[in-house]
């Protein structure tokens, strides 16, 4: 049976891979964005949720003149990102919603803690 340490290790691996995917997404966004400084585009990108970032990458790369071979790869990646988003939201936030709000009580050593989560 898996232990809590196993779960923490798996979550760490998942979050590391998710971060790497977001770095690749930003790189594509930066290359394809019609204008803007690296700092400005980075700040704009990092201020958004993963779902918004996926839409931003799609919009920017759809306007870029990729060759047909590369366009096929991008469209395949779009499908993978769309499939990943609800799973990632469920793993990271504990529930799956495109936009929702929920308040829940979490156990802690000193009693229950009320946590309000907003997912966009």
Protein backbone atom coordinates (compact mmCIF):
# COMPACT_ATOMS: atom_id res chain seq x y z
CA UNK A 1 0.00 0.00 0.00
CA UNK A 2 1.23 3.49 -0.82
CA UNK A 3 2.29 5.68 2.08
CA UNK A 4 1.82 9.40 2.59
CA UNK A 5 5.49 9.85 1.65
CA UNK A 6 4.77 8.07 -1.64
CA UNK A 7 1.90 10.47 -2.29
CA UNK A 8 4.07 13.51 -1.52
CA UNK A 9 6.79 12.23 -3.85
CA UNK A 10 4.27 11.62 -6.63
CA UNK A 11 2.76 15.09 -6.14
CA UNK A 12 6.22 16.66 -6.26
CA UNK A 13 7.02 14.84 -9.50
CA UNK A 14 3.69 15.86 -11.00
CA UNK A 15 4.14 19.52 -10.05
CA UNK A 16 7.69 19.53 -11.41
CA UNK A 17 6.48 18.16 -14.74
CA UNK A 18 3.59 20.64 -14.79
CA UNK A 19 6.06 23.47 -14.22
CA UNK A 20 8.21 22.25 -17.08
CA UNK A 21 5.14 22.12 -19.34
CA UNK A 22 4.29 25.71 -18.39
CA UNK A 23 7.86 26.77 -19.20
CA UNK A 24 7.55 25.25 -22.67
CA UNK A 25 4.15 26.92 -23.08
CA UNK A 26 5.64 30.29 -22.17
CA UNK A 27 8.51 29.77 -24.62
CA UNK A 28 6.04 29.12 -27.43
CA UNK A 29 3.95 32.10 -26.33
CA UNK A 30 7.01 34.37 -26.29
CA UNK A 31 8.11 33.34 -29.78
CA UNK A 32 4.61 33.63 -31.22
CA UNK A 33 3.37 36.77 -29.43
CA UNK A 34 3.00 39.65 -31.87
CA UNK A 35 4.85 42.11 -29.62
CA UNK A 36 6.02 42.80 -26.12
CA UNK A 37 9.14 42.62 -24.03
CA UNK A 38 10.25 39.38 -22.42
CA UNK A 39 9.57 40.83 -18.96
CA UNK A 40 6.15 42.14 -19.94
CA UNK A 41 5.04 38.92 -21.60
CA UNK A 42 6.39 36.85 -18.71
CA UNK A 43 4.50 38.92 -16.13
CA UNK A 44 1.32 38.76 -18.23
CA UNK A 45 1.64 34.98 -18.57
CA UNK A 46 2.50 34.24 -14.95
CA UNK A 47 -0.41 36.32 -13.64
CA UNK A 48 -2.88 33.94 -15.31
CA UNK A 49 -4.28 30.52 -14.45
CA UNK A 50 -3.20 27.43 -16.37
CA UNK A 51 -6.46 27.38 -18.32
CA UNK A 52 -5.99 30.99 -19.40
CA UNK A 53 -2.35 30.29 -20.29
CA UNK A 54 -3.41 27.42 -22.52
CA UNK A 55 -5.85 29.72 -24.34
CA UNK A 56 -3.14 32.41 -24.66
CA UNK A 57 -0.66 29.93 -26.16
CA UNK A 58 -3.28 28.64 -28.60
CA UNK A 59 -4.21 32.15 -29.73
CA UNK A 60 -0.61 33.28 -30.17
CA UNK A 61 0.57 30.13 -31.93
CA UNK A 62 -2.48 29.99 -34.20
CA UNK A 63 -1.47 33.41 -35.50
CA UNK A 64 2.13 32.33 -36.14
CA UNK A 65 3.17 30.92 -39.55
CA UNK A 66 4.24 27.43 -38.47
CA UNK A 67 4.83 24.90 -41.23
CA UNK A 68 2.22 22.14 -41.62
CA UNK A 69 4.43 19.56 -39.90
CA UNK A 70 4.84 21.74 -36.81
CA UNK A 71 1.16 22.77 -36.83
CA UNK A 72 0.17 19.08 -36.51
CA UNK A 73 2.44 18.76 -33.46
CA UNK A 74 0.89 21.88 -31.90
CA UNK A 75 -2.67 20.68 -32.47
CA UNK A 76 -1.77 17.38 -30.83
CA UNK A 77 -0.24 19.27 -27.89
CA UNK A 78 -3.41 21.37 -27.59
CA UNK A 79 -5.43 18.18 -27.15
CA UNK A 80 -3.02 16.93 -24.50
CA UNK A 81 -3.18 20.25 -22.62
CA UNK A 82 -6.98 20.32 -22.77
CA UNK A 83 -7.07 16.78 -21.34
CA UNK A 84 -4.50 17.64 -18.68
CA UNK A 85 -6.22 20.77 -17.34
CA UNK A 86 -9.19 19.20 -15.49
CA UNK A 87 -6.99 16.41 -14.12
CA UNK A 88 -4.37 18.89 -12.95
CA UNK A 89 -7.04 21.08 -11.34
CA UNK A 90 -8.46 18.07 -9.51
CA UNK A 91 -5.03 17.00 -8.25
CA UNK A 92 -3.83 20.49 -7.28
CA UNK A 93 -7.08 21.99 -5.98
CA UNK A 94 -9.04 18.90 -4.92
CA UNK A 95 -11.95 19.42 -7.26
CA UNK A 96 -12.60 20.06 -10.92
CA UNK A 97 -14.30 23.19 -12.16
CA UNK A 98 -13.60 25.78 -14.79
CA UNK A 99 -14.70 28.55 -12.42
CA UNK A 100 -16.02 27.88 -8.97
CA UNK A 101 -15.67 28.75 -5.34
CA UNK A 102 -15.83 26.49 -2.35
CA UNK A 103 -15.19 26.71 1.36
CA UNK A 104 -14.14 23.60 3.20
CA UNK A 105 -12.84 22.63 6.63
CA UNK A 106 -9.47 20.96 6.80
CA UNK A 107 -8.17 19.10 9.86
CA UNK A 108 -5.11 20.54 11.57
CA UNK A 109 -3.24 19.74 14.79
CA UNK A 110 -5.00 22.63 16.54
CA UNK A 111 -8.51 22.03 15.18
CA UNK A 112 -10.27 22.71 11.90
CA UNK A 113 -9.17 25.42 9.53
CA UNK A 114 -11.64 26.96 7.09
CA UNK A 115 -10.16 27.39 3.63
CA UNK A 116 -11.77 29.33 0.79
CA UNK A 117 -10.59 28.33 -2.68
CA UNK A 118 -11.37 30.14 -5.92
CA UNK A 119 -10.50 28.33 -9.11
CA UNK A 120 -10.53 30.08 -12.46
